[in-house]
Amino acid sequence: MDNIIAEKLSSHTAGMTVNPGDNMTFTFSITNKRETDVTLAVTDKIPANTTFVSSENCTVNGDALSWTVT
């Protein structure tokens, strides 16, 4: 979408080793540069070989997480 910027950041950078039992945190940022509100459906996959622990206001369906944001 024009004027919508989405970014996903991880607490672990590329090339970093993640050991069994380590926690990883993912942060999503969405910026709306339009002059009006926009409602978006956001979906992300749980990475392979990981276990989902928690999130605020999301729905979990198999290996997919989804949110609706305005």
PDB file of N, CA and C in Angstrom:
ATOM      1  N   MET A   1       0.840  -1.179   0.000  1.00  0.00           N
ATOM      2  CA  MET A   1       0.000   0.000   0.000  1.00  0.00           C
ATOM      3  C   MET A   1       0.882   1.239   0.000  1.00  0.00           C
ATOM      4  N   ASP A   2       0.486   2.206  -0.766  1.00  0.00           N
ATOM      5  CA  ASP A   2       1.210   3.464  -0.771  1.00  0.00           C
ATOM      6  C   ASP A   2       1.107   4.145   0.590  1.00  0.00           C
ATOM      7  N   ASN A   3       2.198   4.717   1.021  1.00  0.00           N
ATOM      8  CA  ASN A   3       2.261   5.492   2.265  1.00  0.00           C
ATOM      9  C   ASN A   3       2.048   4.668   3.530  1.00  0.00           C
ATOM     10  N   ILE A   4       2.156   3.366   3.443  1.00  0.00           N
ATOM     11  CA  ILE A   4       2.132   2.488   4.613  1.00  0.00           C
ATOM     12  C   ILE A   4       3.500   1.809   4.686  1.00  0.00           C
ATOM     13  N   ILE A   5       4.179   1.969   5.813  1.00  0.00           N
ATOM     14  CA  ILE A   5       5.507   1.387   5.974  1.00  0.00           C
ATOM     15  C   ILE A   5       5.444   0.353   7.090  1.00  0.00           C
ATOM     16  N   ALA A   6       5.820  -0.887   6.778  1.00  0.00           N
ATOM     17  CA  ALA A   6       5.816  -1.965   7.760  1.00  0.00           C
ATOM     18  C   ALA A   6       7.240  -2.457   7.971  1.00  0.00           C
ATOM     19  N   GLU A   7       7.576  -2.729   9.231  1.00  0.00           N
ATOM     20  CA  GLU A   7       8.925  -3.185   9.565  1.00  0.00           C
ATOM     21  C   GLU A   7       8.828  -4.246  10.659  1.00  0.00           C
ATOM     22  N   LYS A   8       9.645  -5.276  10.526  1.00  0.00           N
ATOM     23  CA  LYS A   8       9.723  -6.340  11.525  1.00  0.00           C
ATOM     24  C   LYS A   8      11.167  -6.411  12.007  1.00  0.00           C
ATOM     25  N   LEU A   9      11.355  -6.273  13.312  1.00  0.00           N
ATOM     26  CA  LEU A   9      12.689  -6.332  13.911  1.00  0.00           C
ATOM     27  C   LEU A   9      12.778  -7.533  14.833  1.00  0.00           C
ATOM     28  N   SER A  10      13.977  -8.072  14.968  1.00  0.00           N
ATOM     29  CA  SER A  10      14.227  -9.232  15.821  1.00  0.00           C
ATOM     30  C   SER A  10      15.268  -8.882  16.870  1.00  0.00           C
ATOM     31  N   SER A  11      15.153  -9.498  18.036  1.00  0.00           N
ATOM     32  CA  SER A  11      16.146  -9.305  19.087  1.00  0.00           C
ATOM     33  C   SER A  11      17.457 -10.001  18.732  1.00  0.00           C
ATOM     34  N   HIS A  12      17.443 -10.863  17.733  1.00  0.00           N
ATOM     35  CA  HIS A  12      18.645 -11.559  17.264  1.00  0.00           C
ATOM     36  C   HIS A  12      18.935 -11.110  15.837  1.00  0.00           C
ATOM     37  N   THR A  13      20.165 -10.766  15.552  1.00  0.00           N
ATOM     38  CA  THR A  13      20.535 -10.321  14.216  1.00  0.00           C
ATOM     39  C   THR A  13      20.965 -11.503  13.363  1.00  0.00           C
ATOM     40  N   ALA A  14      20.964 -11.312  12.062  1.00  0.00           N
ATOM     41  CA  ALA A  14      21.366 -12.357  11.122  1.00  0.00           C
ATOM     42  C   ALA A  14      22.753 -12.871  11.490  1.00  0.00           C
ATOM     43  N   GLY A  15      22.898 -14.177  11.472  1.00  0.00           N
ATOM     44  CA  GLY A  15      24.185 -14.798  11.782  1.00  0.00           C
ATOM     45  C   GLY A  15      24.388 -15.107  13.256  1.00  0.00           C
ATOM     46  N   MET A  16      23.519 -14.579  14.129  1.00  0.00           N
ATOM     47  CA  MET A  16      23.623 -14.850  15.565  1.00  0.00           C
ATOM     48  C   MET A  16      23.147 -16.272  15.842  1.00  0.00           C
ATOM     49  N   THR A  17      23.781 -16.931  16.784  1.00  0.00           N
ATOM     50  CA  THR A  17      23.367 -18.268  17.181  1.00  0.00           C
ATOM     51  C   THR A  17      22.231 -18.178  18.194  1.00  0.00           C
ATOM     52  N   VAL A  18      21.178 -18.950  17.947  1.00  0.00           N
ATOM     53  CA  VAL A  18      20.069 -19.062  18.887  1.00  0.00           C
ATOM     54  C   VAL A  18      20.099 -20.485  19.416  1.00  0.00           C
ATOM     55  N   ASN A  19      20.312 -20.622  20.706  1.00  0.00           N
ATOM     56  CA  ASN A  19      20.429 -21.936  21.335  1.00  0.00           C
ATOM     57  C   ASN A  19      19.078 -22.416  21.841  1.00  0.00           C
ATOM     58  N   PRO A  20      18.900 -23.737  21.979  1.00  0.00           N
ATOM     59  CA  PRO A  20      17.653 -24.252  22.549  1.00  0.00           C
ATOM     60  C   PRO A  20      17.373 -23.580  23.894  1.00  0.00           C
ATOM     61  N   GLY A  21      16.141 -23.136  24.081  1.00  0.00           N
ATOM     62  CA  GLY A  21      15.748 -22.474  25.317  1.00  0.00           C
ATOM     63  C   GLY A  21      15.897 -20.960  25.279  1.00  0.00           C
ATOM     64  N   ASP A  22      16.606 -20.418  24.282  1.00  0.00           N
ATOM     65  CA  ASP A  22      16.729 -18.968  24.144  1.00  0.00           C
ATOM     66  C   ASP A  22      15.386 -18.365  23.724  1.00  0.00           C
ATOM     67  N   ASN A  23      15.111 -17.176  24.199  1.00  0.00           N
ATOM     68  CA  ASN A  23      13.924 -16.441  23.758  1.00  0.00           C
ATOM     69  C   ASN A  23      14.318 -15.434  22.694  1.00  0.00           C
ATOM     70  N   MET A  24      13.467 -15.307  21.696  1.00  0.00           N
ATOM     71  CA  MET A  24      13.639 -14.298  20.653  1.00  0.00           C
ATOM     72  C   MET A  24      12.410 -13.393  20.704  1.00  0.00           C
ATOM     73  N   THR A  25      12.617 -12.115  20.523  1.00  0.00           N
ATOM     74  CA  THR A  25      11.516 -11.162  20.511  1.00  0.00           C
ATOM     75  C   THR A  25      11.441 -10.519  19.136  1.00  0.00           C
ATOM     76  N   PHE A  26      10.241 -10.488  18.560  1.00  0.00           N
ATOM     77  CA  PHE A  26      10.008  -9.826  17.288  1.00  0.00           C
ATOM     78  C   PHE A  26       9.106  -8.623  17.539  1.00  0.00           C
ATOM     79  N   THR A  27       9.442  -7.504  16.935  1.00  0.00           N
ATOM     80  CA  THR A  27       8.669  -6.281  17.084  1.00  0.00           C
ATOM     81  C   THR A  27       8.224  -5.813  15.706  1.00  0.00           C
ATOM     82  N   PHE A  28       6.937  -5.512  15.589  1.00  0.00           N
ATOM     83  CA  PHE A  28       6.376  -5.012  14.341  1.00  0.00           C
ATOM     84  C   PHE A  28       6.069  -3.528  14.497  1.00  0.00           C
ATOM     85  N   SER A  29       6.390  -2.770  13.471  1.00  0.00           N
ATOM     86  CA  SER A  29       6.094  -1.342  13.458  1.00  0.00           C
ATOM     87  C   SER A  29       5.404  -1.022  12.135  1.00  0.00           C
ATOM     88  N   ILE A  30       4.264  -0.360  12.222  1.00  0.00           N
ATOM     89  CA  ILE A  30       3.534   0.050  11.020  1.00  0.00           C
ATOM     90  C   ILE A  30       3.313   1.553  11.108  1.00  0.00           C
ATOM     91  N   THR A  31       3.737   2.266  10.074  1.00  0.00           N
ATOM     92  CA  THR A  31       3.575   3.715  10.017  1.00  0.00           C
ATOM     93  C   THR A  31       2.631   4.063   8.877  1.00  0.00           C
ATOM     94  N   ASN A  32       1.615   4.839   9.199  1.00  0.00           N
ATOM     95  CA  ASN A  32       0.634   5.289   8.210  1.00  0.00           C
ATOM     96  C   ASN A  32       0.950   6.744   7.872  1.00  0.00           C
ATOM     97  N   LYS A  33       1.416   6.996   6.654  1.00  0.00           N
ATOM     98  CA  LYS A  33       1.726   8.360   6.229  1.00  0.00           C
ATOM     99  C   LYS A  33       0.578   8.978   5.424  1.00  0.00           C
ATOM    100  N   ARG A  34      -0.558   8.311   5.441  1.00  0.00           N
ATOM    101  CA  ARG A  34      -1.741   8.857   4.776  1.00  0.00           C
ATOM    102  C   ARG A  34      -2.404   9.884   5.693  1.00  0.00           C
ATOM    103  N   GLU A  35      -3.365  10.596   5.154  1.00  0.00           N
ATOM    104  CA  GLU A  35      -4.096  11.583   5.947  1.00  0.00           C
ATOM    105  C   GLU A  35      -5.351  11.002   6.602  1.00  0.00           C
ATOM    106  N   THR A  36      -5.624   9.727   6.355  1.00  0.00           N
ATOM    107  CA  THR A  36      -6.798   9.075   6.935  1.00  0.00           C
ATOM    108  C   THR A  36      -6.387   7.774   7.609  1.00  0.00           C
ATOM    109  N   ASP A  37      -7.219   7.310   8.543  1.00  0.00           N
ATOM    110  CA  ASP A  37      -6.975   6.031   9.205  1.00  0.00           C
ATOM    111  C   ASP A  37      -7.110   4.891   8.206  1.00  0.00           C
ATOM    112  N   VAL A  38      -6.351   3.831   8.440  1.00  0.00           N
ATOM    113  CA  VAL A  38      -6.396   2.635   7.613  1.00  0.00           C
ATOM    114  C   VAL A  38      -6.451   1.441   8.554  1.00  0.00           C
ATOM    115  N   THR A  39      -7.315   0.481   8.269  1.00  0.00           N
ATOM    116  CA  THR A  39      -7.349  -0.766   9.030  1.00  0.00           C
ATOM    117  C   THR A  39      -6.643  -1.829   8.209  1.00  0.00           C
ATOM    118  N   LEU A  40      -5.678  -2.501   8.831  1.00  0.00           N
ATOM    119  CA  LEU A  40      -4.863  -3.497   8.133  1.00  0.00           C
ATOM    120  C   LEU A  40      -4.952  -4.851   8.814  1.00  0.00           C
ATOM    121  N   ALA A  41      -4.912  -5.905   8.017  1.00  0.00           N
ATOM    122  CA  ALA A  41      -4.758  -7.267   8.522  1.00  0.00           C
ATOM    123  C   ALA A  41      -3.277  -7.605   8.381  1.00  0.00           C
ATOM    124  N   VAL A  42      -2.642  -7.936   9.489  1.00  0.00           N
ATOM    125  CA  VAL A  42      -1.216  -8.255   9.502  1.00  0.00           C
ATOM    126  C   VAL A  42      -1.068  -9.735   9.820  1.00  0.00           C
ATOM    127  N   THR A  43      -0.285 -10.444   9.018  1.00  0.00           N
ATOM    128  CA  THR A  43      -0.063 -11.870   9.221  1.00  0.00           C
ATOM    129  C   THR A  43       1.427 -12.154   9.181  1.00  0.00           C
ATOM    130  N   ASP A  44       1.888 -13.047  10.059  1.00  0.00           N
ATOM    131  CA  ASP A  44       3.288 -13.447  10.074  1.00  0.00           C
ATOM    132  C   ASP A  44       3.363 -14.928  10.422  1.00  0.00           C
ATOM    133  N   LYS A  45       4.374 -15.588   9.918  1.00  0.00           N
ATOM    134  CA  LYS A  45       4.578 -17.019  10.199  1.00  0.00           C
ATOM    135  C   LYS A  45       5.507 -17.186  11.392  1.00  0.00           C
ATOM    136  N   ILE A  46       5.222 -18.174  12.211  1.00  0.00           N
ATOM    137  CA  ILE A  46       6.127 -18.547  13.297  1.00  0.00           C
ATOM    138  C   ILE A  46       7.316 -19.245  12.642  1.00  0.00           C
ATOM    139  N   PRO A  47       8.546 -18.784  12.916  1.00  0.00           N
ATOM    140  CA  PRO A  47       9.721 -19.391  12.263  1.00  0.00           C
ATOM    141  C   PRO A  47       9.818 -20.900  12.529  1.00  0.00           C
ATOM    142  N   ALA A  48      10.329 -21.622  11.548  1.00  0.00           N
ATOM    143  CA  ALA A  48      10.526 -23.069  11.685  1.00  0.00           C
ATOM    144  C   ALA A  48      11.422 -23.350  12.888  1.00  0.00           C
ATOM    145  N   ASN A  49      11.192 -24.467  13.539  1.00  0.00           N
ATOM    146  CA  ASN A  49      11.987 -24.934  14.677  1.00  0.00           C
ATOM    147  C   ASN A  49      11.928 -24.008  15.875  1.00  0.00           C
ATOM    148  N   THR A  50      10.837 -23.233  15.984  1.00  0.00           N
ATOM    149  CA  THR A  50      10.628 -22.396  17.166  1.00  0.00           C
ATOM    150  C   THR A  50       9.255 -22.681  17.750  1.00  0.00           C
ATOM    151  N   THR A  51       9.052 -22.242  18.973  1.00  0.00           N
ATOM    152  CA  THR A  51       7.777 -22.401  19.658  1.00  0.00           C
ATOM    153  C   THR A  51       7.250 -21.023  20.013  1.00  0.00           C
ATOM    154  N   PHE A  52       6.024 -20.736  19.625  1.00  0.00           N
ATOM    155  CA  PHE A  52       5.395 -19.461  19.954  1.00  0.00           C
ATOM    156  C   PHE A  52       5.113 -19.423  21.447  1.00  0.00           C
ATOM    157  N   VAL A  53       5.455 -18.286  22.105  1.00  0.00           N
ATOM    158  CA  VAL A  53       5.235 -18.147  23.541  1.00  0.00           C
ATOM    159  C   VAL A  53       4.063 -17.220  23.827  1.00  0.00           C
ATOM    160  N   SER A  54       4.121 -15.964  23.361  1.00  0.00           N
ATOM    161  CA  SER A  54       3.020 -15.046  23.655  1.00  0.00           C
ATOM    162  C   SER A  54       3.074 -13.810  22.773  1.00  0.00           C
ATOM    163  N   SER A  55       1.938 -13.133  22.721  1.00  0.00           N
ATOM    164  CA  SER A  55       1.826 -11.859  22.025  1.00  0.00           C
ATOM    165  C   SER A  55       0.545 -11.188  22.476  1.00  0.00           C
ATOM    166  N   GLU A  56       0.494  -9.873  22.331  1.00  0.00           N
ATOM    167  CA  GLU A  56      -0.726  -9.150  22.676  1.00  0.00           C
ATOM    168  C   GLU A  56      -1.640  -9.057  21.462  1.00  0.00           C
ATOM    169  N   ASN A  57      -2.903  -9.347  21.684  1.00  0.00           N
ATOM    170  CA  ASN A  57      -3.941  -9.112  20.680  1.00  0.00           C
ATOM    171  C   ASN A  57      -3.736  -9.813  19.348  1.00  0.00           C
ATOM    172  N   CYS A  58      -3.183 -10.992  19.354  1.00  0.00           N
ATOM    173  CA  CYS A  58      -3.037 -11.712  18.090  1.00  0.00           C
ATOM    174  C   CYS A  58      -3.834 -13.008  18.137  1.00  0.00           C
ATOM    175  N   THR A  59      -4.088 -13.531  16.961  1.00  0.00           N
ATOM    176  CA  THR A  59      -4.744 -14.817  16.811  1.00  0.00           C
ATOM    177  C   THR A  59      -3.713 -15.793  16.273  1.00  0.00           C
ATOM    178  N   VAL A  60      -3.677 -16.996  16.836  1.00  0.00           N
ATOM    179  CA  VAL A  60      -2.741 -18.027  16.389  1.00  0.00           C
ATOM    180  C   VAL A  60      -3.542 -19.106  15.677  1.00  0.00           C
ATOM    181  N   ASN A  61      -3.118 -19.424  14.450  1.00  0.00           N
ATOM    182  CA  ASN A  61      -3.760 -20.479  13.678  1.00  0.00           C
ATOM    183  C   ASN A  61      -2.656 -21.316  13.044  1.00  0.00           C
ATOM    184  N   GLY A  62      -2.337 -22.452  13.668  1.00  0.00           N
ATOM    185  CA  GLY A  62      -1.237 -23.278  13.197  1.00  0.00           C
ATOM    186  C   GLY A  62       0.082 -22.542  13.374  1.00  0.00           C
ATOM    187  N   ASP A  63       0.784 -22.285  12.273  1.00  0.00           N
ATOM    188  CA  ASP A  63       2.052 -21.548  12.373  1.00  0.00           C
ATOM    189  C   ASP A  63       1.908 -20.099  11.937  1.00  0.00           C
ATOM    190  N   ALA A  64       0.659 -19.596  11.898  1.00  0.00           N
ATOM    191  CA  ALA A  64       0.419 -18.216  11.484  1.00  0.00           C
ATOM    192  C   ALA A  64      -0.124 -17.374  12.645  1.00  0.00           C
ATOM    193  N   LEU A  65       0.407 -16.171  12.757  1.00  0.00           N
ATOM    194  CA  LEU A  65      -0.083 -15.191  13.714  1.00  0.00           C
ATOM    195  C   LEU A  65      -0.770 -14.095  12.922  1.00  0.00           C
ATOM    196  N   SER A  66      -1.879 -13.561  13.439  1.00  0.00           N
ATOM    197  CA  SER A  66      -2.534 -12.476  12.717  1.00  0.00           C
ATOM    198  C   SER A  66      -3.107 -11.454  13.699  1.00  0.00           C
ATOM    199  N   TRP A  67      -3.091 -10.196  13.246  1.00  0.00           N
ATOM    200  CA  TRP A  67      -3.606  -9.069  14.000  1.00  0.00           C
ATOM    201  C   TRP A  67      -4.395  -8.189  13.051  1.00  0.00           C
ATOM    202  N   THR A  68      -5.327  -7.428  13.604  1.00  0.00           N
ATOM    203  CA  THR A  68      -5.969  -6.361  12.858  1.00  0.00           C
ATOM    204  C   THR A  68      -5.623  -5.061  13.570  1.00  0.00           C
ATOM    205  N   VAL A  69      -5.060  -4.111  12.831  1.00  0.00           N
ATOM    206  CA  VAL A  69      -4.641  -2.839  13.430  1.00  0.00           C
ATOM    207  C   VAL A  69      -5.218  -1.667  12.642  1.00  0.00           C
ATOM    208  N   THR A  70      -5.485  -0.582  13.359  1.00  0.00           N
ATOM    209  CA  THR A  70      -5.958   0.657  12.726  1.00  0.00           C
ATOM    210  C   THR A  70      -4.965   1.751  13.053  1.00  0.00           C
TER     211      THR A  70
END
